[in-house]
N, C-alpha and C. Protein backbone atom coordinates (compact mmCIF):
# COMPACT_ATOMS: atom_id res chain seq x y z
N MET A 1 213.35 31.93 -6.38
CA MET A 1 212.06 32.38 -6.89
C MET A 1 211.07 31.22 -6.87
N SER A 2 209.88 31.46 -6.28
CA SER A 2 208.89 30.39 -6.22
C SER A 2 208.30 30.14 -7.60
N SER A 3 207.69 28.96 -7.77
CA SER A 3 207.09 28.64 -9.06
C SER A 3 205.93 29.58 -9.38
N GLU A 4 205.25 30.06 -8.31
CA GLU A 4 204.11 30.97 -8.52
C GLU A 4 204.58 32.30 -9.11
N ASN A 5 205.71 32.84 -8.55
CA ASN A 5 206.25 34.09 -9.08
C ASN A 5 206.78 33.91 -10.49
N TYR A 6 207.39 32.76 -10.73
CA TYR A 6 207.94 32.47 -12.05
C TYR A 6 206.81 32.48 -13.11
N LEU A 7 205.69 31.82 -12.79
CA LEU A 7 204.56 31.79 -13.72
C LEU A 7 203.97 33.18 -13.92
N LYS A 8 203.96 33.98 -12.84
CA LYS A 8 203.43 35.34 -12.95
C LYS A 8 204.30 36.18 -13.88
N ASP A 9 205.63 36.03 -13.75
CA ASP A 9 206.54 36.77 -14.63
C ASP A 9 206.37 36.36 -16.08
N ILE A 10 206.23 35.05 -16.29
CA ILE A 10 206.02 34.55 -17.66
C ILE A 10 204.75 35.14 -18.25
N SER A 11 203.68 35.20 -17.42
CA SER A 11 202.40 35.74 -17.88
C SER A 11 202.53 37.22 -18.24
N GLU A 12 203.28 37.98 -17.40
CA GLU A 12 203.46 39.42 -17.68
C GLU A 12 204.26 39.63 -18.95
N ILE A 13 205.30 38.80 -19.15
CA ILE A 13 206.11 38.91 -20.37
C ILE A 13 205.26 38.62 -21.61
N LYS A 14 204.43 37.58 -21.48
CA LYS A 14 203.55 37.21 -22.60
C LYS A 14 202.58 38.36 -22.92
N THR A 15 202.03 38.99 -21.86
CA THR A 15 201.11 40.11 -22.06
C THR A 15 201.81 41.28 -22.76
N LEU A 16 203.05 41.58 -22.33
CA LEU A 16 203.80 42.68 -22.95
C LEU A 16 204.11 42.38 -24.41
N MET A 17 204.47 41.12 -24.70
CA MET A 17 204.75 40.74 -26.09
C MET A 17 203.50 40.86 -26.95
N ASN A 18 202.35 40.46 -26.41
CA ASN A 18 201.10 40.59 -27.15
C ASN A 18 200.76 42.04 -27.42
N LYS A 19 200.99 42.91 -26.40
CA LYS A 19 200.68 44.33 -26.56
C LYS A 19 201.56 44.97 -27.63
N SER A 20 202.82 44.52 -27.73
CA SER A 20 203.74 45.12 -28.69
C SER A 20 203.54 44.61 -30.11
N SER A 21 202.91 43.45 -30.26
CA SER A 21 202.78 42.87 -31.60
C SER A 21 201.34 42.74 -32.08
N ARG A 22 200.37 42.93 -31.16
CA ARG A 22 198.97 42.77 -31.54
C ARG A 22 198.12 43.85 -30.90
N PHE A 23 197.13 44.33 -31.66
CA PHE A 23 196.18 45.31 -31.14
C PHE A 23 195.11 44.55 -30.37
N ILE A 24 195.06 44.74 -29.05
CA ILE A 24 194.22 43.87 -28.22
C ILE A 24 192.99 44.57 -27.66
N SER A 25 192.69 45.78 -28.16
CA SER A 25 191.58 46.53 -27.58
C SER A 25 190.30 46.47 -28.39
N LEU A 26 190.18 45.46 -29.26
CA LEU A 26 188.92 45.33 -29.99
C LEU A 26 187.78 45.09 -29.01
N SER A 27 186.67 45.77 -29.23
CA SER A 27 185.55 45.68 -28.30
C SER A 27 184.58 44.55 -28.68
N GLY A 28 184.30 43.66 -27.74
CA GLY A 28 183.32 42.61 -27.98
C GLY A 28 181.91 43.16 -28.14
N LEU A 29 181.62 44.23 -27.39
CA LEU A 29 180.29 44.84 -27.46
C LEU A 29 180.01 45.38 -28.86
N SER A 30 181.05 45.90 -29.53
CA SER A 30 180.85 46.42 -30.89
C SER A 30 180.49 45.28 -31.85
N GLY A 31 181.04 44.07 -31.60
CA GLY A 31 180.67 42.92 -32.42
C GLY A 31 179.21 42.55 -32.24
N ILE A 32 178.75 42.58 -30.98
CA ILE A 32 177.34 42.27 -30.69
C ILE A 32 176.42 43.27 -31.40
N LEU A 33 176.76 44.57 -31.25
CA LEU A 33 175.91 45.60 -31.86
C LEU A 33 175.92 45.51 -33.38
N ALA A 34 177.11 45.18 -33.96
CA ALA A 34 177.19 45.03 -35.43
C ALA A 34 176.24 43.91 -35.89
N GLY A 35 176.16 42.84 -35.12
CA GLY A 35 175.25 41.75 -35.44
C GLY A 35 173.80 42.20 -35.39
N PHE A 36 173.45 42.98 -34.37
CA PHE A 36 172.07 43.48 -34.28
C PHE A 36 171.75 44.45 -35.43
N TYR A 37 172.71 45.31 -35.77
CA TYR A 37 172.49 46.23 -36.91
C TYR A 37 172.22 45.42 -38.18
N ALA A 38 173.02 44.35 -38.38
CA ALA A 38 172.85 43.52 -39.58
C ALA A 38 171.48 42.86 -39.61
N LEU A 39 171.02 42.38 -38.45
CA LEU A 39 169.70 41.73 -38.39
C LEU A 39 168.58 42.74 -38.67
N ILE A 40 168.71 43.94 -38.11
CA ILE A 40 167.70 44.98 -38.36
C ILE A 40 167.70 45.36 -39.85
N GLY A 41 168.91 45.53 -40.42
CA GLY A 41 169.02 45.86 -41.84
C GLY A 41 168.43 44.76 -42.71
N ALA A 42 168.68 43.50 -42.35
CA ALA A 42 168.16 42.36 -43.12
C ALA A 42 166.63 42.31 -43.03
N THR A 43 166.09 42.65 -41.85
CA THR A 43 164.62 42.67 -41.69
C THR A 43 163.98 43.69 -42.61
N PHE A 44 164.57 44.90 -42.66
CA PHE A 44 164.06 45.94 -43.57
C PHE A 44 164.18 45.49 -45.03
N ALA A 45 165.32 44.88 -45.38
CA ALA A 45 165.54 44.44 -46.76
C ALA A 45 164.50 43.39 -47.15
N TYR A 46 164.25 42.44 -46.24
CA TYR A 46 163.27 41.37 -46.53
C TYR A 46 161.87 41.94 -46.66
N TRP A 47 161.54 42.87 -45.79
CA TRP A 47 160.21 43.51 -45.83
C TRP A 47 160.03 44.28 -47.14
N PHE A 48 161.05 45.04 -47.55
CA PHE A 48 160.96 45.84 -48.77
C PHE A 48 160.89 44.93 -50.00
N TYR A 49 161.70 43.85 -49.97
CA TYR A 49 161.71 42.89 -51.08
C TYR A 49 160.34 42.22 -51.21
N THR A 50 159.71 41.86 -50.08
CA THR A 50 158.39 41.23 -50.10
C THR A 50 157.34 42.17 -50.67
N LEU A 51 157.43 43.45 -50.28
CA LEU A 51 156.49 44.45 -50.79
C LEU A 51 156.65 44.63 -52.29
N ASP A 52 157.92 44.56 -52.75
CA ASP A 52 158.21 44.78 -54.17
C ASP A 52 157.54 43.72 -55.03
N GLY A 53 157.54 42.46 -54.56
CA GLY A 53 156.82 41.40 -55.25
C GLY A 53 157.51 40.78 -56.44
N ASN A 54 158.64 41.32 -56.91
CA ASN A 54 159.36 40.74 -58.05
C ASN A 54 160.25 39.59 -57.60
N GLU A 55 160.40 38.59 -58.47
CA GLU A 55 161.20 37.42 -58.11
C GLU A 55 162.69 37.73 -58.16
N TYR A 56 163.09 38.61 -59.07
CA TYR A 56 164.50 38.93 -59.24
C TYR A 56 164.75 40.41 -58.95
N ILE A 57 165.96 40.71 -58.51
CA ILE A 57 166.36 42.09 -58.27
C ILE A 57 167.35 42.49 -59.36
N VAL A 58 167.04 43.56 -60.08
CA VAL A 58 167.95 44.02 -61.14
C VAL A 58 168.59 45.34 -60.72
N ILE A 59 169.73 45.65 -61.32
CA ILE A 59 170.55 46.76 -60.86
C ILE A 59 169.88 48.12 -61.05
N GLU A 60 168.97 48.23 -61.99
CA GLU A 60 168.33 49.53 -62.24
C GLU A 60 167.09 49.74 -61.35
N SER A 61 166.74 48.76 -60.54
CA SER A 61 165.46 48.84 -59.81
C SER A 61 165.56 49.66 -58.53
N GLU A 62 164.38 50.04 -58.03
CA GLU A 62 164.30 50.79 -56.77
C GLU A 62 164.75 49.93 -55.60
N ILE A 63 164.39 48.65 -55.61
CA ILE A 63 164.76 47.75 -54.52
C ILE A 63 166.28 47.60 -54.44
N PHE A 64 166.96 47.59 -55.59
CA PHE A 64 168.43 47.48 -55.58
C PHE A 64 169.04 48.71 -54.89
N ASN A 65 168.54 49.90 -55.25
CA ASN A 65 169.05 51.12 -54.62
C ASN A 65 168.79 51.11 -53.11
N PHE A 66 167.61 50.59 -52.72
CA PHE A 66 167.31 50.51 -51.29
C PHE A 66 168.28 49.56 -50.58
N LEU A 67 168.55 48.40 -51.22
CA LEU A 67 169.45 47.42 -50.60
C LEU A 67 170.86 48.00 -50.43
N ILE A 68 171.33 48.74 -51.44
CA ILE A 68 172.66 49.37 -51.33
C ILE A 68 172.67 50.36 -50.17
N LEU A 69 171.60 51.18 -50.07
CA LEU A 69 171.50 52.16 -48.97
C LEU A 69 171.44 51.44 -47.63
N ASP A 70 170.67 50.36 -47.58
CA ASP A 70 170.52 49.56 -46.36
C ASP A 70 171.89 49.02 -45.90
N ILE A 71 172.65 48.45 -46.84
CA ILE A 71 173.96 47.87 -46.51
C ILE A 71 174.92 48.99 -46.06
N LEU A 72 174.85 50.15 -46.75
CA LEU A 72 175.73 51.27 -46.37
C LEU A 72 175.43 51.75 -44.95
N ILE A 73 174.14 51.85 -44.60
CA ILE A 73 173.77 52.30 -43.25
C ILE A 73 174.26 51.30 -42.21
N VAL A 74 174.05 50.00 -42.47
CA VAL A 74 174.52 48.96 -41.54
C VAL A 74 176.05 49.05 -41.39
N GLY A 75 176.75 49.22 -42.52
CA GLY A 75 178.21 49.31 -42.49
C GLY A 75 178.70 50.52 -41.70
N ILE A 76 178.07 51.69 -41.96
CA ILE A 76 178.49 52.93 -41.28
C ILE A 76 178.24 52.82 -39.77
N LEU A 77 177.06 52.31 -39.40
CA LEU A 77 176.75 52.16 -37.97
C LEU A 77 177.72 51.18 -37.30
N SER A 78 178.02 50.06 -37.99
CA SER A 78 178.92 49.05 -37.41
C SER A 78 180.33 49.60 -37.23
N VAL A 79 180.85 50.26 -38.29
CA VAL A 79 182.21 50.81 -38.22
C VAL A 79 182.28 51.93 -37.18
N GLY A 80 181.25 52.82 -37.19
CA GLY A 80 181.24 53.93 -36.23
C GLY A 80 181.21 53.43 -34.79
N THR A 81 180.38 52.42 -34.54
CA THR A 81 180.30 51.85 -33.18
C THR A 81 181.62 51.18 -32.81
N ALA A 82 182.22 50.45 -33.76
CA ALA A 82 183.49 49.77 -33.47
C ALA A 82 184.58 50.78 -33.15
N ILE A 83 184.65 51.88 -33.91
CA ILE A 83 185.67 52.91 -33.65
C ILE A 83 185.46 53.53 -32.27
N PHE A 84 184.20 53.88 -31.96
CA PHE A 84 183.91 54.54 -30.68
C PHE A 84 184.25 53.63 -29.49
N LEU A 85 183.74 52.39 -29.52
CA LEU A 85 183.93 51.49 -28.37
C LEU A 85 185.38 51.00 -28.27
N THR A 86 186.03 50.78 -29.41
CA THR A 86 187.43 50.32 -29.38
C THR A 86 188.35 51.44 -28.89
N THR A 87 188.08 52.67 -29.33
CA THR A 87 188.87 53.82 -28.84
C THR A 87 188.72 53.97 -27.34
N LYS A 88 187.49 53.82 -26.87
CA LYS A 88 187.21 53.93 -25.43
C LYS A 88 187.97 52.85 -24.65
N LYS A 89 187.96 51.62 -25.20
CA LYS A 89 188.65 50.52 -24.52
C LYS A 89 190.16 50.71 -24.55
N ALA A 90 190.67 51.21 -25.69
CA ALA A 90 192.12 51.44 -25.81
C ALA A 90 192.60 52.47 -24.79
N LYS A 91 191.81 53.53 -24.61
CA LYS A 91 192.17 54.56 -23.62
C LYS A 91 192.17 53.96 -22.22
N LYS A 92 191.18 53.12 -21.96
CA LYS A 92 191.09 52.47 -20.65
C LYS A 92 192.30 51.57 -20.41
N ASN A 93 192.78 50.90 -21.48
CA ASN A 93 193.94 50.01 -21.38
C ASN A 93 195.27 50.74 -21.51
N ASP A 94 195.17 52.11 -21.64
CA ASP A 94 196.38 52.93 -21.84
C ASP A 94 197.16 52.45 -23.07
N GLU A 95 196.42 52.19 -24.14
CA GLU A 95 197.01 51.72 -25.39
C GLU A 95 196.78 52.75 -26.49
N LYS A 96 197.79 52.94 -27.35
CA LYS A 96 197.65 53.89 -28.45
C LYS A 96 196.64 53.37 -29.46
N ILE A 97 195.75 54.28 -29.91
CA ILE A 97 194.73 53.86 -30.87
C ILE A 97 195.26 53.97 -32.30
N TRP A 98 196.23 54.86 -32.53
CA TRP A 98 196.72 55.03 -33.90
C TRP A 98 198.25 54.99 -33.91
N ASP A 99 198.80 53.87 -34.31
CA ASP A 99 200.25 53.72 -34.46
C ASP A 99 200.51 52.74 -35.60
N SER A 100 201.76 52.32 -35.77
CA SER A 100 202.11 51.45 -36.90
C SER A 100 201.36 50.11 -36.83
N LEU A 101 201.05 49.65 -35.60
CA LEU A 101 200.35 48.38 -35.44
C LEU A 101 198.91 48.47 -35.94
N THR A 102 198.21 49.54 -35.58
CA THR A 102 196.82 49.70 -36.04
C THR A 102 196.78 49.95 -37.55
N ARG A 103 197.81 50.63 -38.08
CA ARG A 103 197.85 50.85 -39.53
C ARG A 103 198.00 49.52 -40.26
N ARG A 104 198.86 48.63 -39.74
CA ARG A 104 199.03 47.31 -40.37
C ARG A 104 197.74 46.50 -40.25
N LEU A 105 197.08 46.62 -39.09
CA LEU A 105 195.82 45.90 -38.89
C LEU A 105 194.76 46.34 -39.89
N LEU A 106 194.60 47.67 -40.03
CA LEU A 106 193.57 48.20 -40.93
C LEU A 106 193.90 47.89 -42.40
N THR A 107 195.20 47.99 -42.75
CA THR A 107 195.60 47.69 -44.14
C THR A 107 195.31 46.22 -44.46
N SER A 108 195.64 45.34 -43.53
CA SER A 108 195.40 43.90 -43.75
C SER A 108 193.92 43.60 -43.89
N PHE A 109 193.08 44.38 -43.21
CA PHE A 109 191.64 44.16 -43.25
C PHE A 109 191.01 44.79 -44.50
N ILE A 110 191.41 46.02 -44.79
CA ILE A 110 190.71 46.79 -45.82
C ILE A 110 191.06 46.32 -47.23
N VAL A 111 192.32 45.93 -47.49
CA VAL A 111 192.72 45.59 -48.86
C VAL A 111 191.88 44.44 -49.45
N PRO A 112 191.78 43.28 -48.78
CA PRO A 112 190.92 42.23 -49.37
C PRO A 112 189.44 42.60 -49.40
N LEU A 113 189.01 43.39 -48.38
CA LEU A 113 187.60 43.81 -48.35
C LEU A 113 187.27 44.76 -49.51
N LEU A 114 188.19 45.70 -49.78
CA LEU A 114 187.99 46.66 -50.87
C LEU A 114 188.03 45.95 -52.22
N ALA A 115 189.00 45.02 -52.37
CA ALA A 115 189.10 44.26 -53.62
C ALA A 115 187.81 43.48 -53.86
N GLY A 116 187.28 42.87 -52.79
CA GLY A 116 186.04 42.11 -52.90
C GLY A 116 184.86 43.00 -53.26
N GLY A 117 184.80 44.19 -52.63
CA GLY A 117 183.70 45.12 -52.91
C GLY A 117 183.70 45.57 -54.37
N ILE A 118 184.90 45.88 -54.88
CA ILE A 118 185.00 46.31 -56.29
C ILE A 118 184.62 45.16 -57.23
N TYR A 119 185.08 43.96 -56.89
CA TYR A 119 184.76 42.79 -57.73
C TYR A 119 183.24 42.54 -57.76
N ILE A 120 182.59 42.67 -56.60
CA ILE A 120 181.13 42.48 -56.54
C ILE A 120 180.41 43.52 -57.40
N LEU A 121 180.87 44.79 -57.33
CA LEU A 121 180.25 45.83 -58.16
C LEU A 121 180.43 45.54 -59.65
N ILE A 122 181.60 45.00 -60.01
CA ILE A 122 181.87 44.67 -61.43
C ILE A 122 180.90 43.60 -61.92
N ILE A 123 180.74 42.52 -61.13
CA ILE A 123 179.86 41.44 -61.61
C ILE A 123 178.39 41.85 -61.54
N LEU A 124 178.04 42.74 -60.59
CA LEU A 124 176.67 43.25 -60.56
C LEU A 124 176.38 44.06 -61.81
N ASN A 125 177.39 44.83 -62.23
CA ASN A 125 177.24 45.65 -63.44
C ASN A 125 177.10 44.77 -64.68
N GLN A 126 177.59 43.52 -64.58
CA GLN A 126 177.44 42.56 -65.68
C GLN A 126 176.15 41.74 -65.53
N GLN A 127 175.30 42.19 -64.58
CA GLN A 127 174.01 41.56 -64.30
C GLN A 127 174.14 40.10 -63.86
N LYS A 128 175.20 39.82 -63.09
CA LYS A 128 175.38 38.49 -62.49
C LYS A 128 175.12 38.65 -60.99
N TYR A 129 173.91 38.31 -60.58
CA TYR A 129 173.47 38.61 -59.22
C TYR A 129 173.57 37.42 -58.26
N GLY A 130 173.64 36.21 -58.79
CA GLY A 130 173.44 35.01 -57.98
C GLY A 130 174.45 34.77 -56.88
N GLN A 131 175.70 35.26 -57.03
CA GLN A 131 176.75 34.93 -56.06
C GLN A 131 177.10 36.11 -55.15
N THR A 132 176.29 37.15 -55.14
CA THR A 132 176.64 38.35 -54.36
C THR A 132 176.80 38.04 -52.87
N GLY A 133 175.83 37.32 -52.30
CA GLY A 133 175.90 37.00 -50.87
C GLY A 133 177.12 36.16 -50.55
N ALA A 134 177.40 35.16 -51.40
CA ALA A 134 178.56 34.29 -51.17
C ALA A 134 179.86 35.09 -51.23
N LEU A 135 179.98 35.98 -52.20
CA LEU A 135 181.21 36.77 -52.35
C LEU A 135 181.40 37.73 -51.18
N MET A 136 180.31 38.32 -50.70
CA MET A 136 180.43 39.23 -49.55
C MET A 136 180.96 38.47 -48.33
N LEU A 137 180.41 37.28 -48.09
CA LEU A 137 180.86 36.48 -46.94
C LEU A 137 182.31 36.02 -47.12
N LEU A 138 182.65 35.57 -48.33
CA LEU A 138 184.01 35.07 -48.59
C LEU A 138 185.06 36.15 -48.40
N PHE A 139 184.86 37.31 -49.05
CA PHE A 139 185.87 38.37 -48.95
C PHE A 139 185.95 38.94 -47.53
N TYR A 140 184.81 39.02 -46.85
CA TYR A 140 184.83 39.50 -45.46
C TYR A 140 185.59 38.51 -44.58
N GLY A 141 185.36 37.21 -44.80
CA GLY A 141 186.09 36.20 -44.04
C GLY A 141 187.58 36.26 -44.30
N LEU A 142 187.96 36.44 -45.56
CA LEU A 142 189.39 36.55 -45.90
C LEU A 142 190.01 37.80 -45.27
N ALA A 143 189.24 38.90 -45.24
CA ALA A 143 189.75 40.13 -44.62
C ALA A 143 189.98 39.92 -43.12
N LEU A 144 189.04 39.26 -42.45
CA LEU A 144 189.20 38.98 -41.02
C LEU A 144 190.40 38.08 -40.76
N LEU A 145 190.54 37.05 -41.59
CA LEU A 145 191.65 36.11 -41.43
C LEU A 145 192.99 36.81 -41.63
N ASN A 146 193.05 37.68 -42.63
CA ASN A 146 194.28 38.42 -42.92
C ASN A 146 194.63 39.38 -41.79
N ALA A 147 193.61 40.03 -41.21
CA ALA A 147 193.84 41.01 -40.15
C ALA A 147 194.13 40.35 -38.80
N SER A 148 193.75 39.09 -38.64
CA SER A 148 193.90 38.44 -37.34
C SER A 148 195.36 38.30 -36.91
N LYS A 149 196.31 38.47 -37.85
CA LYS A 149 197.74 38.41 -37.50
C LYS A 149 198.12 39.55 -36.56
N TYR A 150 197.35 40.65 -36.61
CA TYR A 150 197.74 41.84 -35.83
C TYR A 150 196.77 42.14 -34.69
N THR A 151 195.89 41.21 -34.37
CA THR A 151 194.97 41.45 -33.25
C THR A 151 194.69 40.13 -32.53
N LEU A 152 193.64 40.09 -31.75
CA LEU A 152 193.33 38.89 -30.98
C LEU A 152 193.12 37.69 -31.91
N GLY A 153 193.71 36.56 -31.55
CA GLY A 153 193.64 35.38 -32.40
C GLY A 153 192.22 34.88 -32.64
N ASP A 154 191.30 35.23 -31.73
CA ASP A 154 189.91 34.77 -31.86
C ASP A 154 189.27 35.26 -33.15
N VAL A 155 189.77 36.37 -33.68
CA VAL A 155 189.18 36.95 -34.89
C VAL A 155 189.26 35.96 -36.06
N LYS A 156 190.32 35.14 -36.07
CA LYS A 156 190.46 34.21 -37.20
C LYS A 156 189.33 33.18 -37.23
N TYR A 157 188.78 32.84 -36.06
CA TYR A 157 187.68 31.86 -36.05
C TYR A 157 186.42 32.44 -36.70
N LEU A 158 186.19 33.75 -36.46
CA LEU A 158 185.07 34.41 -37.15
C LEU A 158 185.35 34.42 -38.66
N GLY A 159 186.63 34.65 -39.03
CA GLY A 159 186.99 34.63 -40.45
C GLY A 159 186.74 33.28 -41.09
N TYR A 160 187.18 32.21 -40.42
CA TYR A 160 186.95 30.86 -40.96
C TYR A 160 185.45 30.58 -41.12
N THR A 161 184.67 31.01 -40.11
CA THR A 161 183.22 30.78 -40.15
C THR A 161 182.59 31.48 -41.36
N GLN A 162 183.01 32.74 -41.59
CA GLN A 162 182.45 33.49 -42.73
C GLN A 162 182.84 32.84 -44.05
N ILE A 163 184.07 32.33 -44.14
CA ILE A 163 184.52 31.67 -45.38
C ILE A 163 183.70 30.41 -45.64
N ILE A 164 183.49 29.61 -44.59
CA ILE A 164 182.69 28.38 -44.74
C ILE A 164 181.26 28.71 -45.16
N LEU A 165 180.67 29.74 -44.50
CA LEU A 165 179.31 30.14 -44.87
C LEU A 165 179.27 30.65 -46.31
N GLY A 166 180.32 31.37 -46.72
CA GLY A 166 180.39 31.88 -48.10
C GLY A 166 180.43 30.75 -49.11
N LEU A 167 181.20 29.71 -48.80
CA LEU A 167 181.29 28.55 -49.72
C LEU A 167 179.96 27.81 -49.79
N LEU A 168 179.31 27.65 -48.62
CA LEU A 168 177.99 27.00 -48.62
C LEU A 168 176.98 27.84 -49.40
N CYS A 169 177.09 29.14 -49.24
CA CYS A 169 176.19 30.06 -49.95
C CYS A 169 176.41 29.96 -51.46
N ALA A 170 177.68 29.74 -51.87
CA ALA A 170 177.96 29.59 -53.30
C ALA A 170 177.33 28.31 -53.85
N VAL A 171 177.25 27.27 -53.01
CA VAL A 171 176.63 26.00 -53.43
C VAL A 171 175.11 26.13 -53.48
N PHE A 172 174.56 26.91 -52.52
CA PHE A 172 173.10 27.09 -52.43
C PHE A 172 172.75 28.58 -52.56
N PRO A 173 172.94 29.15 -53.74
CA PRO A 173 172.76 30.61 -53.90
C PRO A 173 171.34 31.10 -53.63
N SER A 174 170.35 30.22 -53.77
CA SER A 174 168.96 30.67 -53.53
C SER A 174 168.71 30.96 -52.04
N TYR A 175 169.61 30.48 -51.18
CA TYR A 175 169.51 30.78 -49.75
C TYR A 175 170.50 31.87 -49.32
N GLY A 176 170.97 32.65 -50.29
CA GLY A 176 171.99 33.67 -50.03
C GLY A 176 171.60 34.64 -48.93
N PHE A 177 170.35 35.07 -48.94
CA PHE A 177 169.89 36.03 -47.93
C PHE A 177 170.05 35.46 -46.52
N TRP A 178 169.68 34.18 -46.36
CA TRP A 178 169.72 33.57 -45.02
C TRP A 178 171.15 33.30 -44.57
N PHE A 179 172.03 32.94 -45.52
CA PHE A 179 173.45 32.80 -45.15
C PHE A 179 174.02 34.16 -44.72
N TRP A 180 173.59 35.22 -45.42
CA TRP A 180 174.03 36.58 -45.07
C TRP A 180 173.57 36.92 -43.65
N VAL A 181 172.31 36.60 -43.34
CA VAL A 181 171.77 36.87 -41.99
C VAL A 181 172.57 36.10 -40.93
N ILE A 182 172.87 34.83 -41.21
CA ILE A 182 173.64 34.02 -40.23
C ILE A 182 175.05 34.58 -40.07
N GLY A 183 175.70 34.87 -41.21
CA GLY A 183 177.10 35.31 -41.16
C GLY A 183 177.28 36.68 -40.54
N PHE A 184 176.55 37.67 -41.05
CA PHE A 184 176.75 39.05 -40.58
C PHE A 184 175.92 39.37 -39.34
N GLY A 185 174.84 38.61 -39.12
CA GLY A 185 174.00 38.87 -37.95
C GLY A 185 174.36 37.98 -36.77
N PHE A 186 173.94 36.73 -36.84
CA PHE A 186 174.07 35.85 -35.67
C PHE A 186 175.54 35.55 -35.31
N MET A 187 176.40 35.35 -36.33
CA MET A 187 177.80 35.03 -36.02
C MET A 187 178.51 36.20 -35.33
N HIS A 188 178.15 37.44 -35.72
CA HIS A 188 178.74 38.60 -35.04
C HIS A 188 178.29 38.68 -33.58
N ILE A 189 177.03 38.36 -33.35
CA ILE A 189 176.52 38.41 -31.97
C ILE A 189 177.21 37.34 -31.12
N ILE A 190 177.34 36.13 -31.67
CA ILE A 190 178.01 35.05 -30.93
C ILE A 190 179.48 35.38 -30.69
N TYR A 191 180.15 35.86 -31.75
CA TYR A 191 181.57 36.23 -31.62
C TYR A 191 181.74 37.38 -30.61
N GLY A 192 180.90 38.43 -30.74
CA GLY A 192 181.01 39.58 -29.85
C GLY A 192 180.77 39.20 -28.40
N ALA A 193 179.76 38.34 -28.17
CA ALA A 193 179.46 37.91 -26.80
C ALA A 193 180.63 37.11 -26.23
N SER A 194 181.22 36.26 -27.06
CA SER A 194 182.38 35.48 -26.62
C SER A 194 183.55 36.39 -26.24
N MET A 195 183.81 37.39 -27.10
CA MET A 195 184.91 38.34 -26.84
C MET A 195 184.62 39.16 -25.59
N TYR A 196 183.37 39.56 -25.42
CA TYR A 196 183.00 40.39 -24.27
C TYR A 196 183.24 39.65 -22.96
N TYR A 197 182.76 38.40 -22.90
CA TYR A 197 182.92 37.64 -21.66
C TYR A 197 184.36 37.21 -21.44
N LYS A 198 185.13 37.05 -22.53
CA LYS A 198 186.51 36.59 -22.40
C LYS A 198 187.48 37.72 -22.03
N TYR A 199 187.26 38.92 -22.61
CA TYR A 199 188.24 40.00 -22.44
C TYR A 199 187.69 41.25 -21.78
N ASP A 200 186.45 41.65 -22.12
CA ASP A 200 185.98 42.98 -21.71
C ASP A 200 185.51 43.04 -20.26
N ARG A 201 185.10 41.92 -19.71
CA ARG A 201 184.55 41.96 -18.34
C ARG A 201 185.62 41.98 -17.27
N LYS A 202 186.91 41.86 -17.68
CA LYS A 202 187.98 41.83 -16.67
C LYS A 202 188.14 43.18 -16.00
């Protein structure tokens, strides 16, 4: 057996092992679009906040309800786009979209994210608003890091980035909005573009 064939066999074995242990059909394009949705949502939030004119946002206010609606719309659009494009890519790769591997991936992602979301609602209800942006970035980063065991390893770098941004946001809470824009907007676009050029264009 030539060395070229030997390397080819090793590469095929590695690909098969990755397919059996990791969900590899995540769409880079969905990451890019999620970043754009976040930037559009942040633009509306900033515009509405500027119109409101108050220095602080309280839980009973109209602006707070708008921000919750804004975040929900961004989240629904991002998740819906990710499901659609990832399902399409999985079918193209002849990969199952729903099996024990995807269940482990989703469980690893959702549990820390859900715990973080509930914790944020609890402290908001206690009228502690200053760390909301930092907590969103931190728990999202931890969810990505936890889920990266069952998908492409590149996801963990996005997780580390969100955690670092979350910690910086905790140190500088008055810049929370801008850390949120960088983390959920620009970092998703950079990550998605990297994934698209690395995996999707093949």
